[in-house]
Amino acid sequence: AQTSWRNRTLFGASQAGLVNNLNDGLSWGVL
């Protein structure tokens, strides 16, 4: 809970990390 949404900094890092690797997966499969 702390990492996913309660701590705003950890939440901000987690959502940015998700989108970062979404882009990596896109590069991996789509490009």
Full PDB file with SEQRES, HELIX, SHEET, SSBOND, CRYST1, ORIGX, SCALE, CONECT and MASTER records, all heavy atoms in Angstrom:
SEQRES   1 A   31  ALA GLN THR SER TRP ARG ASN ARG THR LEU PHE GLY ALA          
SEQRES   2 A   31  SER GLN ALA GLY LEU VAL ASN ASN LEU ASN ASP GLY LEU          
SEQRES   3 A   31  SER TRP GLY VAL LEU                                          
HELIX    1 AA1 GLN A    2  ARG A    6  3                                   5    
HELIX    2 AA2 ARG A    8  GLY A   29  1                                  22    
CRYST1    1.000    1.000    1.000  90.00  90.00  90.00 P 1           1          
ORIGX1      1.000000  0.000000  0.000000        0.00000                         
ORIGX2      0.000000  1.000000  0.000000        0.00000                         
ORIGX3      0.000000  0.000000  1.000000        0.00000                         
SCALE1      1.000000  0.000000  0.000000        0.00000                         
SCALE2      0.000000  1.000000  0.000000        0.00000                         
SCALE3      0.000000  0.000000  1.000000        0.00000                         
ATOM      1  N   ALA A   1       0.824  -1.205   0.000  1.00  0.00           N  
ATOM      2  CA  ALA A   1       0.000   0.000   0.000  1.00  0.00           C  
ATOM      3  C   ALA A   1       0.861   1.260   0.000  1.00  0.00           C  
ATOM      4  O   ALA A   1       0.579   2.233  -0.714  1.00  0.00           O  
ATOM      5  CB  ALA A   1      -0.931  -0.006   1.207  1.00  0.00           C  
ATOM      6  N   GLN A   2       1.916   1.253   0.812  1.00  0.00           N  
ATOM      7  CA  GLN A   2       2.787   2.415   0.895  1.00  0.00           C  
ATOM      8  C   GLN A   2       3.447   2.707  -0.448  1.00  0.00           C  
ATOM      9  O   GLN A   2       3.511   3.850  -0.893  1.00  0.00           O  
ATOM     10  CB  GLN A   2       3.860   2.169   1.961  1.00  0.00           C  
ATOM     11  CG  GLN A   2       4.626   3.406   2.406  1.00  0.00           C  
ATOM     12  CD  GLN A   2       3.795   4.279   3.336  1.00  0.00           C  
ATOM     13  OE1 GLN A   2       2.657   3.960   3.652  1.00  0.00           O  
ATOM     14  NE2 GLN A   2       4.374   5.389   3.769  1.00  0.00           N  
ATOM     15  N   THR A   3       3.908   1.666  -1.107  1.00  0.00           N  
ATOM     16  CA  THR A   3       4.634   1.845  -2.361  1.00  0.00           C  
ATOM     17  C   THR A   3       3.690   2.159  -3.511  1.00  0.00           C  
ATOM     18  O   THR A   3       4.056   2.900  -4.430  1.00  0.00           O  
ATOM     19  CB  THR A   3       5.438   0.571  -2.688  1.00  0.00           C  
ATOM     20  OG1 THR A   3       6.241   0.217  -1.558  1.00  0.00           O  
ATOM     21  CG2 THR A   3       6.351   0.785  -3.887  1.00  0.00           C  
ATOM     22  N   SER A   4       2.482   1.630  -3.450  1.00  0.00           N  
ATOM     23  CA  SER A   4       1.574   1.731  -4.595  1.00  0.00           C  
ATOM     24  C   SER A   4       0.747   3.002  -4.598  1.00  0.00           C  
ATOM     25  O   SER A   4       0.465   3.547  -5.676  1.00  0.00           O  
ATOM     26  CB  SER A   4       0.638   0.514  -4.628  1.00  0.00           C  
ATOM     27  OG  SER A   4       1.377  -0.686  -4.724  1.00  0.00           O  
ATOM     28  N   TRP A   5       0.321   3.500  -3.392  1.00  0.00           N  
ATOM     29  CA  TRP A   5      -0.533   4.685  -3.427  1.00  0.00           C  
ATOM     30  C   TRP A   5      -0.439   5.584  -2.193  1.00  0.00           C  
ATOM     31  O   TRP A   5      -0.626   6.793  -2.306  1.00  0.00           O  
ATOM     32  CB  TRP A   5      -1.991   4.301  -3.666  1.00  0.00           C  
ATOM     33  CG  TRP A   5      -2.658   3.544  -2.544  1.00  0.00           C  
ATOM     34  CD1 TRP A   5      -3.250   4.079  -1.433  1.00  0.00           C  
ATOM     35  CD2 TRP A   5      -2.815   2.132  -2.451  1.00  0.00           C  
ATOM     36  NE1 TRP A   5      -3.756   3.074  -0.633  1.00  0.00           N  
ATOM     37  CE2 TRP A   5      -3.513   1.872  -1.244  1.00  0.00           C  
ATOM     38  CE3 TRP A   5      -2.442   1.058  -3.252  1.00  0.00           C  
ATOM     39  CZ2 TRP A   5      -3.825   0.581  -0.829  1.00  0.00           C  
ATOM     40  CZ3 TRP A   5      -2.763  -0.215  -2.840  1.00  0.00           C  
ATOM     41  CH2 TRP A   5      -3.447  -0.453  -1.648  1.00  0.00           C  
ATOM     42  N   ARG A   6      -0.101   5.057  -1.022  1.00  0.00           N  
ATOM     43  CA  ARG A   6      -0.141   5.912   0.164  1.00  0.00           C  
ATOM     44  C   ARG A   6       0.960   6.959   0.176  1.00  0.00           C  
ATOM     45  O   ARG A   6       0.727   8.116   0.544  1.00  0.00           O  
ATOM     46  CB  ARG A   6      -0.062   5.047   1.421  1.00  0.00           C  
ATOM     47  CG  ARG A   6      -1.339   4.298   1.721  1.00  0.00           C  
ATOM     48  CD  ARG A   6      -1.224   3.501   2.991  1.00  0.00           C  
ATOM     49  NE  ARG A   6      -2.460   2.757   3.266  1.00  0.00           N  
ATOM     50  CZ  ARG A   6      -2.555   1.792   4.177  1.00  0.00           C  
ATOM     51  NH1 ARG A   6      -1.488   1.450   4.903  1.00  0.00           N  
ATOM     52  NH2 ARG A   6      -3.702   1.176   4.354  1.00  0.00           N  
ATOM     53  N   ASN A   7       2.175   6.571  -0.162  1.00  0.00           N  
ATOM     54  CA  ASN A   7       3.284   7.510  -0.233  1.00  0.00           C  
ATOM     55  C   ASN A   7       3.296   8.112  -1.641  1.00  0.00           C  
ATOM     56  O   ASN A   7       3.466   7.415  -2.631  1.00  0.00           O  
ATOM     57  CB  ASN A   7       4.594   6.765   0.053  1.00  0.00           C  
ATOM     58  CG  ASN A   7       5.798   7.695   0.067  1.00  0.00           C  
ATOM     59  OD1 ASN A   7       6.086   8.371  -0.904  1.00  0.00           O  
ATOM     60  ND2 ASN A   7       6.511   7.699   1.186  1.00  0.00           N  
ATOM     61  N   ARG A   8       3.085   9.427  -1.732  1.00  0.00           N  
ATOM     62  CA  ARG A   8       2.935  10.068  -3.038  1.00  0.00           C  
ATOM     63  C   ARG A   8       4.196   9.928  -3.891  1.00  0.00           C  
ATOM     64  O   ARG A   8       4.113   9.763  -5.113  1.00  0.00           O  
ATOM     65  CB  ARG A   8       2.583  11.552  -2.853  1.00  0.00           C  
ATOM     66  CG  ARG A   8       1.141  11.777  -2.449  1.00  0.00           C  
ATOM     67  CD  ARG A   8       0.909  13.236  -2.052  1.00  0.00           C  
ATOM     68  NE  ARG A   8       1.251  14.177  -3.107  1.00  0.00           N  
ATOM     69  CZ  ARG A   8       0.446  14.515  -4.118  1.00  0.00           C  
ATOM     70  NH1 ARG A   8      -0.767  13.968  -4.209  1.00  0.00           N  
ATOM     71  NH2 ARG A   8       0.830  15.388  -5.021  1.00  0.00           N  
ATOM     72  N   THR A   9       5.337   9.984  -3.264  1.00  0.00           N  
ATOM     73  CA  THR A   9       6.579   9.858  -4.025  1.00  0.00           C  
ATOM     74  C   THR A   9       6.721   8.450  -4.591  1.00  0.00           C  
ATOM     75  O   THR A   9       7.081   8.270  -5.767  1.00  0.00           O  
ATOM     76  CB  THR A   9       7.783  10.205  -3.143  1.00  0.00           C  
ATOM     77  OG1 THR A   9       7.723  11.597  -2.812  1.00  0.00           O  
ATOM     78  CG2 THR A   9       9.102   9.918  -3.857  1.00  0.00           C  
ATOM     79  N   LEU A  10       6.443   7.448  -3.764  1.00  0.00           N  
ATOM     80  CA  LEU A  10       6.522   6.074  -4.246  1.00  0.00           C  
ATOM     81  C   LEU A  10       5.458   5.799  -5.300  1.00  0.00           C  
ATOM     82  O   LEU A  10       5.710   5.069  -6.274  1.00  0.00           O  
ATOM     83  CB  LEU A  10       6.389   5.101  -3.079  1.00  0.00           C  
ATOM     84  CG  LEU A  10       7.583   5.085  -2.103  1.00  0.00           C  
ATOM     85  CD1 LEU A  10       7.277   4.188  -0.897  1.00  0.00           C  
ATOM     86  CD2 LEU A  10       8.849   4.620  -2.797  1.00  0.00           C  
ATOM     87  N   PHE A  11       4.267   6.370  -5.142  1.00  0.00           N  
ATOM     88  CA  PHE A  11       3.238   6.237  -6.181  1.00  0.00           C  
ATOM     89  C   PHE A  11       3.706   6.860  -7.494  1.00  0.00           C  
ATOM     90  O   PHE A  11       3.575   6.267  -8.567  1.00  0.00           O  
ATOM     91  CB  PHE A  11       1.934   6.903  -5.734  1.00  0.00           C  
ATOM     92  CG  PHE A  11       0.993   7.192  -6.881  1.00  0.00           C  
ATOM     93  CD1 PHE A  11       0.277   6.176  -7.488  1.00  0.00           C  
ATOM     94  CD2 PHE A  11       0.858   8.491  -7.376  1.00  0.00           C  
ATOM     95  CE1 PHE A  11      -0.570   6.438  -8.560  1.00  0.00           C  
ATOM     96  CE2 PHE A  11       0.016   8.758  -8.448  1.00  0.00           C  
ATOM     97  CZ  PHE A  11      -0.694   7.731  -9.043  1.00  0.00           C  
ATOM     98  N   GLY A  12       4.250   8.086  -7.410  1.00  0.00           N  
ATOM     99  CA  GLY A  12       4.726   8.754  -8.621  1.00  0.00           C  
ATOM    100  C   GLY A  12       5.802   7.960  -9.323  1.00  0.00           C  
ATOM    101  O   GLY A  12       5.814   7.851 -10.560  1.00  0.00           O  
ATOM    102  N   ALA A  13       6.708   7.367  -8.543  1.00  0.00           N  
ATOM    103  CA  ALA A  13       7.764   6.547  -9.128  1.00  0.00           C  
ATOM    104  C   ALA A  13       7.188   5.279  -9.745  1.00  0.00           C  
ATOM    105  O   ALA A  13       7.609   4.852 -10.834  1.00  0.00           O  
ATOM    106  CB  ALA A  13       8.807   6.197  -8.068  1.00  0.00           C  
ATOM    107  N   SER A  14       6.219   4.655  -9.086  1.00  0.00           N  
ATOM    108  CA  SER A  14       5.663   3.396  -9.578  1.00  0.00           C  
ATOM    109  C   SER A  14       4.925   3.582 -10.899  1.00  0.00           C  
ATOM    110  O   SER A  14       5.084   2.781 -11.834  1.00  0.00           O  
ATOM    111  CB  SER A  14       4.729   2.781  -8.529  1.00  0.00           C  
ATOM    112  OG  SER A  14       5.459   2.401  -7.367  1.00  0.00           O  
ATOM    113  N   GLN A  15       4.125   4.645 -11.008  1.00  0.00           N  
ATOM    114  CA  GLN A  15       3.392   4.839 -12.270  1.00  0.00           C  
ATOM    115  C   GLN A  15       4.361   5.218 -13.389  1.00  0.00           C  
ATOM    116  O   GLN A  15       4.180   4.783 -14.536  1.00  0.00           O  
ATOM    117  CB  GLN A  15       2.266   5.870 -12.092  1.00  0.00           C  
ATOM    118  CG  GLN A  15       2.695   7.291 -11.779  1.00  0.00           C  
ATOM    119  CD  GLN A  15       3.093   8.085 -13.002  1.00  0.00           C  
ATOM    120  OE1 GLN A  15       2.609   7.859 -14.104  1.00  0.00           O  
ATOM    121  NE2 GLN A  15       4.020   9.022 -12.819  1.00  0.00           N  
ATOM    122  N   ALA A  16       5.392   5.998 -13.084  1.00  0.00           N  
ATOM    123  CA  ALA A  16       6.371   6.338 -14.119  1.00  0.00           C  
ATOM    124  C   ALA A  16       7.154   5.104 -14.554  1.00  0.00           C  
ATOM    125  O   ALA A  16       7.452   4.928 -15.745  1.00  0.00           O  
ATOM    126  CB  ALA A  16       7.328   7.420 -13.608  1.00  0.00           C  
ATOM    127  N   GLY A  17       7.478   4.242 -13.597  1.00  0.00           N  
ATOM    128  CA  GLY A  17       8.167   3.006 -13.951  1.00  0.00           C  
ATOM    129  C   GLY A  17       7.321   2.121 -14.845  1.00  0.00           C  
ATOM    130  O   GLY A  17       7.831   1.516 -15.804  1.00  0.00           O  
ATOM    131  N   LEU A  18       6.023   2.048 -14.556  1.00  0.00           N  
ATOM    132  CA  LEU A  18       5.121   1.240 -15.394  1.00  0.00           C  
ATOM    133  C   LEU A  18       5.122   1.744 -16.841  1.00  0.00           C  
ATOM    134  O   LEU A  18       5.268   0.963 -17.784  1.00  0.00           O  
ATOM    135  CB  LEU A  18       3.708   1.267 -14.811  1.00  0.00           C  
ATOM    136  CG  LEU A  18       2.664   0.355 -15.465  1.00  0.00           C  
ATOM    137  CD1 LEU A  18       1.595  -0.039 -14.445  1.00  0.00           C  
ATOM    138  CD2 LEU A  18       1.984   1.004 -16.675  1.00  0.00           C  
ATOM    139  N   VAL A  19       4.978   3.053 -17.015  1.00  0.00           N  
ATOM    140  CA  VAL A  19       4.927   3.604 -18.368  1.00  0.00           C  
ATOM    141  C   VAL A  19       6.288   3.489 -19.046  1.00  0.00           C  
ATOM    142  O   VAL A  19       6.380   3.236 -20.253  1.00  0.00           O  
ATOM    143  CB  VAL A  19       4.432   5.057 -18.340  1.00  0.00           C  
ATOM    144  CG1 VAL A  19       4.495   5.690 -19.728  1.00  0.00           C  
ATOM    145  CG2 VAL A  19       3.000   5.118 -17.804  1.00  0.00           C  
ATOM    146  N   ASN A  20       7.366   3.646 -18.278  1.00  0.00           N  
ATOM    147  CA  ASN A  20       8.708   3.479 -18.845  1.00  0.00           C  
ATOM    148  C   ASN A  20       8.855   2.091 -19.475  1.00  0.00           C  
ATOM    149  O   ASN A  20       9.344   1.945 -20.601  1.00  0.00           O  
ATOM    150  CB  ASN A  20       9.753   3.679 -17.753  1.00  0.00           C  
ATOM    151  CG  ASN A  20      11.166   3.663 -18.279  1.00  0.00           C  
ATOM    152  OD1 ASN A  20      11.802   4.688 -18.468  1.00  0.00           O  
ATOM    153  ND2 ASN A  20      11.712   2.474 -18.516  1.00  0.00           N  
ATOM    154  N   ASN A  21       8.438   1.060 -18.752  1.00  0.00           N  
ATOM    155  CA  ASN A  21       8.585  -0.293 -19.290  1.00  0.00           C  
ATOM    156  C   ASN A  21       7.498  -0.653 -20.289  1.00  0.00           C  
ATOM    157  O   ASN A  21       7.689  -1.562 -21.105  1.00  0.00           O  
ATOM    158  CB  ASN A  21       8.655  -1.313 -18.152  1.00  0.00           C  
ATOM    159  CG  ASN A  21      10.067  -1.415 -17.610  1.00  0.00           C  
ATOM    160  OD1 ASN A  21      10.877  -0.500 -17.777  1.00  0.00           O  
ATOM    161  ND2 ASN A  21      10.377  -2.518 -16.962  1.00  0.00           N  
ATOM    162  N   LEU A  22       6.372   0.051 -20.269  1.00  0.00           N  
ATOM    163  CA  LEU A  22       5.425  -0.060 -21.370  1.00  0.00           C  
ATOM    164  C   LEU A  22       6.125   0.338 -22.672  1.00  0.00           C  
ATOM    165  O   LEU A  22       5.997  -0.337 -23.705  1.00  0.00           O  
ATOM    166  CB  LEU A  22       4.221   0.841 -21.105  1.00  0.00           C  
ATOM    167  CG  LEU A  22       3.090   0.877 -22.141  1.00  0.00           C  
ATOM    168  CD1 LEU A  22       1.769   1.229 -21.448  1.00  0.00           C  
ATOM    169  CD2 LEU A  22       3.340   1.910 -23.240  1.00  0.00           C  
ATOM    170  N   ASN A  23       6.887   1.435 -22.607  1.00  0.00           N  
ATOM    171  CA  ASN A  23       7.633   1.878 -23.788  1.00  0.00           C  
ATOM    172  C   ASN A  23       8.707   0.871 -24.187  1.00  0.00           C  
ATOM    173  O   ASN A  23       8.939   0.632 -25.378  1.00  0.00           O  
ATOM    174  CB  ASN A  23       8.277   3.233 -23.514  1.00  0.00           C  
ATOM    175  CG  ASN A  23       7.258   4.328 -23.327  1.00  0.00           C  
ATOM    176  OD1 ASN A  23       6.112   4.205 -23.744  1.00  0.00           O  
ATOM    177  ND2 ASN A  23       7.668   5.411 -22.683  1.00  0.00           N  
ATOM    178  N   ASP A  24       9.361   0.278 -23.193  1.00  0.00           N  
ATOM    179  CA  ASP A  24      10.380  -0.724 -23.504  1.00  0.00           C  
ATOM    180  C   ASP A  24       9.748  -1.938 -24.167  1.00  0.00           C  
ATOM    181  O   ASP A  24      10.286  -2.489 -25.135  1.00  0.00           O  
ATOM    182  CB  ASP A  24      11.112  -1.124 -22.217  1.00  0.00           C  
ATOM    183  CG  ASP A  24      12.325  -1.998 -22.495  1.00  0.00           C  
ATOM    184  OD1 ASP A  24      12.923  -1.875 -23.585  1.00  0.00           O  
ATOM    185  OD2 ASP A  24      12.680  -2.810 -21.617  1.00  0.00           O  
ATOM    186  N   GLY A  25       8.600  -2.369 -23.660  1.00  0.00           N  
ATOM    187  CA  GLY A  25       7.902  -3.490 -24.278  1.00  0.00           C  
ATOM    188  C   GLY A  25       7.452  -3.164 -25.694  1.00  0.00           C  
ATOM    189  O   GLY A  25       7.510  -4.009 -26.595  1.00  0.00           O  
ATOM    190  N   LEU A  26       7.020  -1.919 -25.913  1.00  0.00           N  
ATOM    191  CA  LEU A  26       6.637  -1.481 -27.249  1.00  0.00           C  
ATOM    192  C   LEU A  26       7.842  -1.545 -28.194  1.00  0.00           C  
ATOM    193  O   LEU A  26       7.748  -2.023 -29.326  1.00  0.00           O  
ATOM    194  CB  LEU A  26       6.094  -0.057 -27.172  1.00  0.00           C  
ATOM    195  CG  LEU A  26       5.210   0.427 -28.314  1.00  0.00           C  
ATOM    196  CD1 LEU A  26       3.832  -0.201 -28.204  1.00  0.00           C  
ATOM    197  CD2 LEU A  26       5.097   1.947 -28.273  1.00  0.00           C  
ATOM    198  N   SER A  27       8.980  -1.056 -27.711  1.00  0.00           N  
ATOM    199  CA  SER A  27      10.198  -1.117 -28.513  1.00  0.00           C  
ATOM    200  C   SER A  27      10.577  -2.557 -28.826  1.00  0.00           C  
ATOM    201  O   SER A  27      11.015  -2.873 -29.938  1.00  0.00           O  
ATOM    202  CB  SER A  27      11.345  -0.430 -27.755  1.00  0.00           C  
ATOM    203  OG  SER A  27      12.587  -0.682 -28.361  1.00  0.00           O  
ATOM    204  N   TRP A  28      10.401  -3.427 -27.855  1.00  0.00           N  
ATOM    205  CA  TRP A  28      10.767  -4.832 -27.979  1.00  0.00           C  
ATOM    206  C   TRP A  28       9.910  -5.550 -29.024  1.00  0.00           C  
ATOM    207  O   TRP A  28      10.418  -6.226 -29.912  1.00  0.00           O  
ATOM    208  CB  TRP A  28      10.607  -5.465 -26.606  1.00  0.00           C  
ATOM    209  CG  TRP A  28      11.013  -6.875 -26.415  1.00  0.00           C  
ATOM    210  CD1 TRP A  28      11.436  -7.763 -27.357  1.00  0.00           C  
ATOM    211  CD2 TRP A  28      11.049  -7.564 -25.164  1.00  0.00           C  
ATOM    212  NE1 TRP A  28      11.713  -8.976 -26.770  1.00  0.00           N  
ATOM    213  CE2 TRP A  28      11.495  -8.875 -25.428  1.00  0.00           C  
ATOM    214  CE3 TRP A  28      10.743  -7.207 -23.855  1.00  0.00           C  
ATOM    215  CZ2 TRP A  28      11.635  -9.822 -24.411  1.00  0.00           C  
ATOM    216  CZ3 TRP A  28      10.886  -8.143 -22.851  1.00  0.00           C  
ATOM    217  CH2 TRP A  28      11.328  -9.438 -23.134  1.00  0.00           C  
ATOM    218  N   GLY A  29       8.583  -5.375 -28.929  1.00  0.00           N  
ATOM    219  CA  GLY A  29       7.690  -6.153 -29.776  1.00  0.00           C  
ATOM    220  C   GLY A  29       7.243  -5.457 -31.036  1.00  0.00           C  
ATOM    221  O   GLY A  29       7.180  -6.069 -32.113  1.00  0.00           O  
ATOM    222  N   VAL A  30       6.932  -4.162 -30.940  1.00  0.00           N  
ATOM    223  CA  VAL A  30       6.319  -3.458 -32.058  1.00  0.00           C  
ATOM    224  C   VAL A  30       7.354  -2.955 -33.055  1.00  0.00           C  
ATOM    225  O   VAL A  30       7.175  -3.099 -34.275  1.00  0.00           O  
ATOM    226  CB  VAL A  30       5.462  -2.279 -31.548  1.00  0.00           C  
ATOM    227  CG1 VAL A  30       4.991  -1.403 -32.703  1.00  0.00           C  
ATOM    228  CG2 VAL A  30       4.271  -2.801 -30.755  1.00  0.00           C  
ATOM    229  N   LEU A  31       8.431  -2.343 -32.564  1.00  0.00           N  
ATOM    230  CA  LEU A  31       9.342  -1.665 -33.489  1.00  0.00           C  
ATOM    231  C   LEU A  31       9.995  -2.601 -34.505  1.00  0.00           C  
ATOM    232  O   LEU A  31      10.117  -2.216 -35.685  1.00  0.00           O  
ATOM    233  CB  LEU A  31      10.399  -0.874 -32.699  1.00  0.00           C  
ATOM    234  CG  LEU A  31       9.867   0.293 -31.860  1.00  0.00           C  
ATOM    235  CD1 LEU A  31      11.012   1.139 -31.336  1.00  0.00           C  
ATOM    236  CD2 LEU A  31       8.876   1.156 -32.633  1.00  0.00           C  
TER     237      LEU A  31                                                      
MASTER        0    0    0    2    0    0    0    6  236    1    0    3          
END                                                                             
